[in-house]
């Protein structure tokens, strides 16, 4: 099935078909017609936000790993985002020219305080080790909270967890300021994430 919208011809058939398989038609068309970055950049971000590994995303795109790394570096530089993937996915969704994911109709899962803390760290590009140091929380406790967060959201990777958190509305309140801001991205703090519960 071809990707909806005129830009579909800019993608080879394989990634275009994969993009159409992953996304609802309206979001797929929005990704194809968005003006932020190139369609190839947006497609890479979308694959990674669905839990693909770097190698899987590069394979789906038919590009070298070095090209994928260049796409991510360019995206991070443009958005002023940390290069860690969960933060980069969040920064893209916070940008007014990058389509936000389609919301779930289901009620959002209730996150524990530590799970909210970890989610907030992910969208700011903070590692578990850094979070452990700054909060003086044992690393194993935060690692367990991260696993719990992904299990509760149904995420395969932290970047996938960020996409699902957006779909559940857990990050939407903090991110919606993107529609009314001239800044390229708004990164929520852990306190803002917690306030959405």
C-alpha atoms as a PDB file:
ATOM      1  CA  UNK A   1       0.000   0.000   0.000  1.00  0.00           C
ATOM      2  CA  UNK A   2       1.587   3.344  -0.979  1.00  0.00           C
ATOM      3  CA  UNK A   3       2.102   6.098   1.552  1.00  0.00           C
ATOM      4  CA  UNK A   4      -0.661   8.702   1.198  1.00  0.00           C
ATOM      5  CA  UNK A   5       0.229  12.169  -0.021  1.00  0.00           C
ATOM      6  CA  UNK A   6       2.401  13.578  -2.784  1.00  0.00           C
ATOM      7  CA  UNK A   7       5.805  13.109  -1.037  1.00  0.00           C
ATOM      8  CA  UNK A   8       5.446   9.309  -1.046  1.00  0.00           C
ATOM      9  CA  UNK A   9       7.411   9.205  -4.274  1.00  0.00           C
ATOM     10  CA  UNK A  10      10.435  10.546  -2.378  1.00  0.00           C
ATOM     11  CA  UNK A  11      10.713   7.279  -0.420  1.00  0.00           C
ATOM     12  CA  UNK A  12      11.657   3.926  -1.913  1.00  0.00           C
ATOM     13  CA  UNK A  13       8.810   1.408  -1.993  1.00  0.00           C
ATOM     14  CA  UNK A  14       9.978  -0.657   1.011  1.00  0.00           C
ATOM     15  CA  UNK A  15      10.131   2.128   3.653  1.00  0.00           C
ATOM     16  CA  UNK A  16       7.013   3.755   2.188  1.00  0.00           C
ATOM     17  CA  UNK A  17       5.105   0.505   2.618  1.00  0.00           C
ATOM     18  CA  UNK A  18       6.482   0.030   6.135  1.00  0.00           C
ATOM     19  CA  UNK A  19       5.472   3.573   7.120  1.00  0.00           C
ATOM     20  CA  UNK A  20       1.940   2.971   5.837  1.00  0.00           C
ATOM     21  CA  UNK A  21       1.792  -0.284   7.806  1.00  0.00           C
ATOM     22  CA  UNK A  22       2.848   1.352  11.080  1.00  0.00           C
ATOM     23  CA  UNK A  23       0.721   4.481  11.112  1.00  0.00           C
ATOM     24  CA  UNK A  24      -2.982   5.291  10.949  1.00  0.00           C
ATOM     25  CA  UNK A  25      -3.740   6.835   7.524  1.00  0.00           C
ATOM     26  CA  UNK A  26      -4.168  10.379   8.844  1.00  0.00           C
ATOM     27  CA  UNK A  27      -0.888  10.346  10.767  1.00  0.00           C
ATOM     28  CA  UNK A  28       0.874   8.729   7.818  1.00  0.00           C
ATOM     29  CA  UNK A  29      -0.317  11.478   5.503  1.00  0.00           C
ATOM     30  CA  UNK A  30       0.704  14.123   8.049  1.00  0.00           C
ATOM     31  CA  UNK A  31       4.217  12.656   8.292  1.00  0.00           C
ATOM     32  CA  UNK A  32       4.468  12.698   4.494  1.00  0.00           C
ATOM     33  CA  UNK A  33       3.350  16.300   4.135  1.00  0.00           C
ATOM     34  CA  UNK A  34       5.057  17.853   7.205  1.00  0.00           C
ATOM     35  CA  UNK A  35       7.615  20.580   6.558  1.00  0.00           C
ATOM     36  CA  UNK A  36      10.123  19.835   9.304  1.00  0.00           C
ATOM     37  CA  UNK A  37      13.247  18.091   7.987  1.00  0.00           C
ATOM     38  CA  UNK A  38      13.089  15.761   4.991  1.00  0.00           C
ATOM     39  CA  UNK A  39      10.668  12.878   4.602  1.00  0.00           C
ATOM     40  CA  UNK A  40      13.575  10.474   5.083  1.00  0.00           C
ATOM     41  CA  UNK A  41      14.472  12.162   8.403  1.00  0.00           C
ATOM     42  CA  UNK A  42      10.870  12.009   9.586  1.00  0.00           C
ATOM     43  CA  UNK A  43      10.545   8.375   8.565  1.00  0.00           C
ATOM     44  CA  UNK A  44      13.686   7.376  10.486  1.00  0.00           C
ATOM     45  CA  UNK A  45      12.378   9.119  13.612  1.00  0.00           C
ATOM     46  CA  UNK A  46       9.023   7.383  13.169  1.00  0.00           C
ATOM     47  CA  UNK A  47      10.600   3.939  12.846  1.00  0.00           C
ATOM     48  CA  UNK A  48      12.740   4.490  15.951  1.00  0.00           C
ATOM     49  CA  UNK A  49       9.734   5.861  17.868  1.00  0.00           C
ATOM     50  CA  UNK A  50       7.993   2.551  17.143  1.00  0.00           C
ATOM     51  CA  UNK A  51      10.715   0.610  18.938  1.00  0.00           C
ATOM     52  CA  UNK A  52      12.961  -0.266  15.996  1.00  0.00           C
ATOM     53  CA  UNK A  53      16.644  -0.668  16.802  1.00  0.00           C
ATOM     54  CA  UNK A  54      19.071   1.540  14.910  1.00  0.00           C
ATOM     55  CA  UNK A  55      20.023  -1.403  12.725  1.00  0.00           C
ATOM     56  CA  UNK A  56      16.394  -2.300  12.037  1.00  0.00           C
ATOM     57  CA  UNK A  57      15.572   1.309  11.100  1.00  0.00           C
ATOM     58  CA  UNK A  58      18.584   1.559   8.808  1.00  0.00           C
ATOM     59  CA  UNK A  59      17.621  -1.751   7.194  1.00  0.00           C
ATOM     60  CA  UNK A  60      14.010  -0.653   6.697  1.00  0.00           C
ATOM     61  CA  UNK A  61      15.241   2.567   5.084  1.00  0.00           C
ATOM     62  CA  UNK A  62      17.904   0.846   2.998  1.00  0.00           C
ATOM     63  CA  UNK A  63      20.595   3.191   4.319  1.00  0.00           C
ATOM     64  CA  UNK A  64      23.944   2.801   6.073  1.00  0.00           C
ATOM     65  CA  UNK A  65      24.194   3.163   9.844  1.00  0.00           C
ATOM     66  CA  UNK A  66      26.391   6.224   9.309  1.00  0.00           C
ATOM     67  CA  UNK A  67      23.613   7.877   7.295  1.00  0.00           C
ATOM     68  CA  UNK A  68      21.090   7.126  10.024  1.00  0.00           C
ATOM     69  CA  UNK A  69      23.448   8.634  12.618  1.00  0.00           C
ATOM     70  CA  UNK A  70      23.772  11.723  10.426  1.00  0.00           C
ATOM     71  CA  UNK A  71      19.982  12.061  10.224  1.00  0.00           C
ATOM     72  CA  UNK A  72      19.691  11.933  14.016  1.00  0.00           C
ATOM     73  CA  UNK A  73      22.542  14.391  14.515  1.00  0.00           C
ATOM     74  CA  UNK A  74      20.966  16.847  12.075  1.00  0.00           C
ATOM     75  CA  UNK A  75      17.581  16.518  13.781  1.00  0.00           C
ATOM     76  CA  UNK A  76      19.040  17.070  17.251  1.00  0.00           C
ATOM     77  CA  UNK A  77      20.987  20.109  16.086  1.00  0.00           C
ATOM     78  CA  UNK A  78      17.963  21.677  14.381  1.00  0.00           C
ATOM     79  CA  UNK A  79      15.696  21.162  17.395  1.00  0.00           C
ATOM     80  CA  UNK A  80      18.293  22.018  20.024  1.00  0.00           C
ATOM     81  CA  UNK A  81      17.594  18.616  21.556  1.00  0.00           C
ATOM     82  CA  UNK A  82      19.818  16.176  23.412  1.00  0.00           C
ATOM     83  CA  UNK A  83      20.942  13.405  21.054  1.00  0.00           C
ATOM     84  CA  UNK A  84      19.555  10.628  23.211  1.00  0.00           C
ATOM     85  CA  UNK A  85      16.740   9.078  21.210  1.00  0.00           C
ATOM     86  CA  UNK A  86      13.825   9.359  23.697  1.00  0.00           C
ATOM     87  CA  UNK A  87      14.513  13.099  24.071  1.00  0.00           C
ATOM     88  CA  UNK A  88      14.813  13.480  20.314  1.00  0.00           C
ATOM     89  CA  UNK A  89      11.470  11.762  19.713  1.00  0.00           C
ATOM     90  CA  UNK A  90       9.847  14.018  22.314  1.00  0.00           C
ATOM     91  CA  UNK A  91      11.419  17.123  20.775  1.00  0.00           C
ATOM     92  CA  UNK A  92      10.024  16.150  17.373  1.00  0.00           C
ATOM     93  CA  UNK A  93       6.521  15.691  18.795  1.00  0.00           C
ATOM     94  CA  UNK A  94       6.834  19.043  20.568  1.00  0.00           C
ATOM     95  CA  UNK A  95       7.611  20.831  17.303  1.00  0.00           C
ATOM     96  CA  UNK A  96       4.593  22.436  15.594  1.00  0.00           C
ATOM     97  CA  UNK A  97       5.680  21.104  12.195  1.00  0.00           C
ATOM     98  CA  UNK A  98       6.076  17.464  13.243  1.00  0.00           C
ATOM     99  CA  UNK A  99       2.797  15.535  13.568  1.00  0.00           C
ATOM    100  CA  UNK A 100       1.997  14.343  17.083  1.00  0.00           C
ATOM    101  CA  UNK A 101       0.908  10.707  17.351  1.00  0.00           C
ATOM    102  CA  UNK A 102      -2.768   9.828  17.256  1.00  0.00           C
ATOM    103  CA  UNK A 103      -4.172   9.643  20.824  1.00  0.00           C
ATOM    104  CA  UNK A 104      -5.396   6.407  22.340  1.00  0.00           C
ATOM    105  CA  UNK A 105      -9.019   6.238  23.386  1.00  0.00           C
ATOM    106  CA  UNK A 106      -8.068   4.033  26.351  1.00  0.00           C
ATOM    107  CA  UNK A 107      -7.460   5.456  29.800  1.00  0.00           C
ATOM    108  CA  UNK A 108      -3.806   6.133  30.501  1.00  0.00           C
ATOM    109  CA  UNK A 109      -2.049   3.776  32.920  1.00  0.00           C
ATOM    110  CA  UNK A 110      -1.252   5.173  36.344  1.00  0.00           C
ATOM    111  CA  UNK A 111       2.489   5.621  36.764  1.00  0.00           C
ATOM    112  CA  UNK A 112       4.316   5.459  40.058  1.00  0.00           C
ATOM    113  CA  UNK A 113       6.347   8.464  41.203  1.00  0.00           C
ATOM    114  CA  UNK A 114       9.580   6.749  40.184  1.00  0.00           C
ATOM    115  CA  UNK A 115       8.168   5.802  36.784  1.00  0.00           C
ATOM    116  CA  UNK A 116       7.166   9.440  36.212  1.00  0.00           C
ATOM    117  CA  UNK A 117      10.655  10.495  37.269  1.00  0.00           C
ATOM    118  CA  UNK A 118      12.224   8.118  34.745  1.00  0.00           C
ATOM    119  CA  UNK A 119       9.865   9.255  31.983  1.00  0.00           C
ATOM    120  CA  UNK A 120      10.813  12.860  32.716  1.00  0.00           C
ATOM    121  CA  UNK A 121      14.480  11.900  32.502  1.00  0.00           C
ATOM    122  CA  UNK A 122      13.950  10.184  29.148  1.00  0.00           C
ATOM    123  CA  UNK A 123      12.403  13.246  27.526  1.00  0.00           C
ATOM    124  CA  UNK A 124      15.238  15.450  28.816  1.00  0.00           C
ATOM    125  CA  UNK A 125      17.970  13.128  27.554  1.00  0.00           C
ATOM    126  CA  UNK A 126      19.111  12.170  31.060  1.00  0.00           C
ATOM    127  CA  UNK A 127      20.511   8.667  31.534  1.00  0.00           C
ATOM    128  CA  UNK A 128      19.558   6.348  34.368  1.00  0.00           C
ATOM    129  CA  UNK A 129      23.086   6.756  35.732  1.00  0.00           C
ATOM    130  CA  UNK A 130      22.843  10.551  35.707  1.00  0.00           C
ATOM    131  CA  UNK A 131      19.402  10.425  37.283  1.00  0.00           C
ATOM    132  CA  UNK A 132      20.699   8.110  39.996  1.00  0.00           C
ATOM    133  CA  UNK A 133      23.517  10.541  40.764  1.00  0.00           C
ATOM    134  CA  UNK A 134      21.379  13.690  40.856  1.00  0.00           C
ATOM    135  CA  UNK A 135      18.505  12.178  42.855  1.00  0.00           C
ATOM    136  CA  UNK A 136      20.693   9.930  45.036  1.00  0.00           C
ATOM    137  CA  UNK A 137      18.431   7.036  44.145  1.00  0.00           C
ATOM    138  CA  UNK A 138      20.083   3.635  43.750  1.00  0.00           C
ATOM    139  CA  UNK A 139      20.560   2.779  40.110  1.00  0.00           C
ATOM    140  CA  UNK A 140      18.885  -0.604  40.474  1.00  0.00           C
ATOM    141  CA  UNK A 141      15.737   1.121  41.773  1.00  0.00           C
ATOM    142  CA  UNK A 142      15.589   3.393  38.724  1.00  0.00           C
ATOM    143  CA  UNK A 143      16.384   0.520  36.365  1.00  0.00           C
ATOM    144  CA  UNK A 144      13.469  -1.375  37.858  1.00  0.00           C
ATOM    145  CA  UNK A 145      11.261   1.721  37.505  1.00  0.00           C
ATOM    146  CA  UNK A 146      12.283   2.001  33.849  1.00  0.00           C
ATOM    147  CA  UNK A 147      11.313  -1.610  33.203  1.00  0.00           C
ATOM    148  CA  UNK A 148       8.031  -1.004  35.013  1.00  0.00           C
ATOM    149  CA  UNK A 149       7.382   2.123  32.955  1.00  0.00           C
ATOM    150  CA  UNK A 150       7.905   0.295  29.666  1.00  0.00           C
ATOM    151  CA  UNK A 151       5.780  -2.640  30.793  1.00  0.00           C
ATOM    152  CA  UNK A 152       2.958  -0.339  31.893  1.00  0.00           C
ATOM    153  CA  UNK A 153       3.027   1.576  28.589  1.00  0.00           C
ATOM    154  CA  UNK A 154       3.676  -1.487  26.424  1.00  0.00           C
ATOM    155  CA  UNK A 155       6.934  -0.017  25.116  1.00  0.00           C
ATOM    156  CA  UNK A 156       9.824  -1.960  23.635  1.00  0.00           C
ATOM    157  CA  UNK A 157      12.387   0.824  24.059  1.00  0.00           C
ATOM    158  CA  UNK A 158      12.476   4.151  25.928  1.00  0.00           C
ATOM    159  CA  UNK A 159      11.842   5.992  22.629  1.00  0.00           C
ATOM    160  CA  UNK A 160       8.823   3.774  21.983  1.00  0.00           C
ATOM    161  CA  UNK A 161       7.709   4.468  25.557  1.00  0.00           C
ATOM    162  CA  UNK A 162       7.817   8.217  24.851  1.00  0.00           C
ATOM    163  CA  UNK A 163       5.608   7.760  21.772  1.00  0.00           C
ATOM    164  CA  UNK A 164       3.133   5.688  23.782  1.00  0.00           C
ATOM    165  CA  UNK A 165       3.164   8.232  26.618  1.00  0.00           C
ATOM    166  CA  UNK A 166       2.175  10.868  24.064  1.00  0.00           C
ATOM    167  CA  UNK A 167      -0.585   8.630  22.741  1.00  0.00           C
ATOM    168  CA  UNK A 168      -1.910   8.136  26.274  1.00  0.00           C
ATOM    169  CA  UNK A 169      -1.816  11.893  26.885  1.00  0.00           C
ATOM    170  CA  UNK A 170       0.836  11.650  29.588  1.00  0.00           C
ATOM    171  CA  UNK A 171       3.069  14.176  27.829  1.00  0.00           C
ATOM    172  CA  UNK A 172       0.510  16.072  25.823  1.00  0.00           C
ATOM    173  CA  UNK A 173      -0.152  18.837  28.357  1.00  0.00           C
ATOM    174  CA  UNK A 174       3.535  19.694  28.532  1.00  0.00           C
ATOM    175  CA  UNK A 175       4.001  19.292  24.797  1.00  0.00           C
ATOM    176  CA  UNK A 176       0.979  21.185  23.518  1.00  0.00           C
ATOM    177  CA  UNK A 177       2.666  24.525  24.190  1.00  0.00           C
ATOM    178  CA  UNK A 178       4.614  23.651  21.030  1.00  0.00           C
ATOM    179  CA  UNK A 179       1.571  24.735  18.985  1.00  0.00           C
ATOM    180  CA  UNK A 180       1.694  28.248  20.449  1.00  0.00           C
ATOM    181  CA  UNK A 181       5.441  28.804  20.783  1.00  0.00           C
ATOM    182  CA  UNK A 182       8.022  30.223  18.435  1.00  0.00           C
ATOM    183  CA  UNK A 183      10.625  28.010  20.089  1.00  0.00           C
ATOM    184  CA  UNK A 184      11.603  24.939  18.095  1.00  0.00           C
ATOM    185  CA  UNK A 185      10.809  22.582  20.964  1.00  0.00           C
ATOM    186  CA  UNK A 186       9.579  22.518  24.526  1.00  0.00           C
ATOM    187  CA  UNK A 187      11.037  19.839  26.756  1.00  0.00           C
ATOM    188  CA  UNK A 188       8.930  19.099  29.804  1.00  0.00           C
ATOM    189  CA  UNK A 189      10.404  18.734  33.251  1.00  0.00           C
ATOM    190  CA  UNK A 190       9.745  15.669  35.429  1.00  0.00           C
ATOM    191  CA  UNK A 191       7.427  17.846  37.547  1.00  0.00           C
ATOM    192  CA  UNK A 192       5.340  18.681  34.455  1.00  0.00           C
ATOM    193  CA  UNK A 193       5.151  15.011  33.560  1.00  0.00           C
ATOM    194  CA  UNK A 194       3.949  14.179  37.040  1.00  0.00           C
ATOM    195  CA  UNK A 195       1.335  16.930  36.842  1.00  0.00           C
ATOM    196  CA  UNK A 196      -0.377  15.223  33.931  1.00  0.00           C
ATOM    197  CA  UNK A 197      -1.474  12.318  36.125  1.00  0.00           C
END
